[in-house]
């Protein structure tokens, strides 16, 4: 897989610095993705959800490898509503990483995540960049 990502860390209070965040988004030509406002079809399975992305449609092994890298190994057949908040955030992070057509500002990624989930998200961001 070709790596087209660059991870740049910016830590600000997104609520108090909302105008700054919007300014950065405009300057950097990127989309703000707020991980506290994520929605899914809760009855869908993880595999069904990920198989809607072209990169995974005919490549189950890539999907399983990405899930393993994100610490979500074995969740393919789980419904999304069964996942923890952190696991749902990791699932969204996977989809953002495979979308190489956009740049994102990630907001509230680590909030309400368990330590192991934060570690997986960090490793995923590091590996993909």
Protein backbone atom coordinates (compact mmCIF):
# COMPACT_ATOMS: atom_id res chain seq x y z
CA UNK A 1 0.00 0.00 0.00
CA UNK A 2 1.41 3.36 -1.02
CA UNK A 3 1.70 5.76 1.91
CA UNK A 4 0.35 9.19 1.04
CA UNK A 5 -0.18 10.52 4.51
CA UNK A 6 1.56 13.02 6.69
CA UNK A 7 0.51 13.25 10.30
CA UNK A 8 0.95 16.65 11.88
CA UNK A 9 -0.05 17.14 15.50
CA UNK A 10 -1.95 20.21 16.60
CA UNK A 11 -3.41 20.26 20.09
CA UNK A 12 -5.88 23.01 20.91
CA UNK A 13 -9.08 23.38 22.87
CA UNK A 14 -11.45 22.97 19.92
CA UNK A 15 -14.40 24.55 21.74
CA UNK A 16 -12.58 27.71 22.79
CA UNK A 17 -10.55 27.86 19.58
CA UNK A 18 -13.34 27.06 17.11
CA UNK A 19 -12.49 30.04 14.89
CA UNK A 20 -8.82 29.03 14.85
CA UNK A 21 -9.78 25.48 13.91
CA UNK A 22 -11.94 26.73 11.03
CA UNK A 23 -9.12 29.02 9.92
CA UNK A 24 -6.63 26.13 9.93
CA UNK A 25 -9.09 24.02 8.00
CA UNK A 26 -9.43 26.69 5.31
CA UNK A 27 -5.70 27.41 5.08
CA UNK A 28 -4.70 23.76 4.98
CA UNK A 29 -7.61 22.84 2.67
CA UNK A 30 -8.74 20.03 4.91
CA UNK A 31 -11.95 18.74 6.42
CA UNK A 32 -12.61 18.85 10.16
CA UNK A 33 -13.66 15.42 11.39
CA UNK A 34 -15.17 15.54 14.88
CA UNK A 35 -14.96 12.08 16.42
CA UNK A 36 -17.63 12.99 18.97
CA UNK A 37 -20.17 13.36 16.17
CA UNK A 38 -19.78 10.07 14.35
CA UNK A 39 -22.75 8.05 13.17
CA UNK A 40 -23.06 4.62 11.63
CA UNK A 41 -25.77 2.26 10.55
CA UNK A 42 -25.67 0.55 13.94
CA UNK A 43 -27.17 -2.72 12.61
CA UNK A 44 -24.46 -3.13 9.98
CA UNK A 45 -21.53 -5.41 10.70
CA UNK A 46 -17.98 -4.08 10.64
CA UNK A 47 -17.24 -6.18 7.55
CA UNK A 48 -20.36 -4.92 5.73
CA UNK A 49 -19.45 -1.33 6.56
CA UNK A 50 -15.83 -1.63 5.41
CA UNK A 51 -16.75 -3.58 2.27
CA UNK A 52 -18.50 -0.45 0.96
CA UNK A 53 -15.06 1.06 0.37
CA UNK A 54 -13.51 0.08 -2.98
CA UNK A 55 -10.12 -0.82 -1.49
CA UNK A 56 -11.72 -3.61 0.58
CA UNK A 57 -14.40 -4.88 -1.82
CA UNK A 58 -12.36 -7.75 -3.25
CA UNK A 59 -9.61 -7.93 -0.67
CA UNK A 60 -10.70 -9.47 2.64
CA UNK A 61 -7.06 -9.90 3.67
CA UNK A 62 -6.37 -6.15 3.47
CA UNK A 63 -9.48 -5.52 5.56
CA UNK A 64 -8.40 -8.04 8.18
CA UNK A 65 -4.86 -6.62 8.23
CA UNK A 66 -6.20 -3.08 8.73
CA UNK A 67 -8.53 -4.24 11.52
CA UNK A 68 -5.64 -6.04 13.20
CA UNK A 69 -3.42 -2.96 12.90
CA UNK A 70 -6.19 -0.91 14.53
CA UNK A 71 -6.60 -3.40 17.38
CA UNK A 72 -9.99 -4.54 16.04
CA UNK A 73 -9.01 -8.08 15.07
CA UNK A 74 -11.98 -10.44 15.30
CA UNK A 75 -14.65 -7.73 15.08
CA UNK A 76 -15.53 -8.32 11.40
CA UNK A 77 -18.80 -10.05 12.25
CA UNK A 78 -19.77 -7.78 15.15
CA UNK A 79 -22.54 -5.28 14.59
CA UNK A 80 -21.36 -1.71 14.95
CA UNK A 81 -23.70 -1.15 17.90
CA UNK A 82 -21.72 -3.79 19.84
CA UNK A 83 -18.49 -1.78 19.56
CA UNK A 84 -17.25 0.54 22.28
CA UNK A 85 -16.97 4.28 21.58
CA UNK A 86 -13.22 3.86 21.14
CA UNK A 87 -13.65 0.97 18.70
CA UNK A 88 -16.11 3.05 16.66
CA UNK A 89 -13.54 5.85 16.57
CA UNK A 90 -10.86 3.41 15.39
CA UNK A 91 -13.22 2.17 12.67
CA UNK A 92 -13.77 5.73 11.48
CA UNK A 93 -10.02 6.37 11.62
CA UNK A 94 -9.49 3.41 9.27
CA UNK A 95 -11.91 4.89 6.76
CA UNK A 96 -10.24 8.30 6.91
CA UNK A 97 -6.80 6.78 6.40
CA UNK A 98 -7.86 4.85 3.30
CA UNK A 99 -9.43 8.01 1.84
CA UNK A 100 -6.31 9.53 0.31
CA UNK A 101 -8.28 12.16 -1.59
CA UNK A 102 -8.72 14.42 1.44
CA UNK A 103 -6.79 15.87 4.35
CA UNK A 104 -8.43 15.93 7.76
CA UNK A 105 -8.17 17.79 11.03
CA UNK A 106 -9.05 15.20 13.65
CA UNK A 107 -11.02 16.57 16.57
CA UNK A 108 -11.73 14.64 19.80
CA UNK A 109 -10.07 11.46 18.54
CA UNK A 110 -8.67 10.31 21.88
CA UNK A 111 -11.48 11.58 24.12
CA UNK A 112 -13.40 8.75 25.87
CA UNK A 113 -11.01 6.08 24.60
CA UNK A 114 -9.38 3.43 26.71
CA UNK A 115 -5.59 3.48 26.96
CA UNK A 116 -5.27 0.44 24.68
CA UNK A 117 -7.48 2.12 22.06
CA UNK A 118 -5.40 5.31 22.19
CA UNK A 119 -2.28 3.18 21.68
CA UNK A 120 -3.86 1.46 18.65
CA UNK A 121 -4.96 4.78 17.15
CA UNK A 122 -1.48 6.24 17.63
CA UNK A 123 0.17 3.21 16.08
CA UNK A 124 -2.27 3.30 13.18
CA UNK A 125 -1.56 6.98 12.51
CA UNK A 126 2.18 6.39 12.80
CA UNK A 127 2.17 3.33 10.55
CA UNK A 128 0.06 4.94 7.86
CA UNK A 129 2.16 8.11 7.78
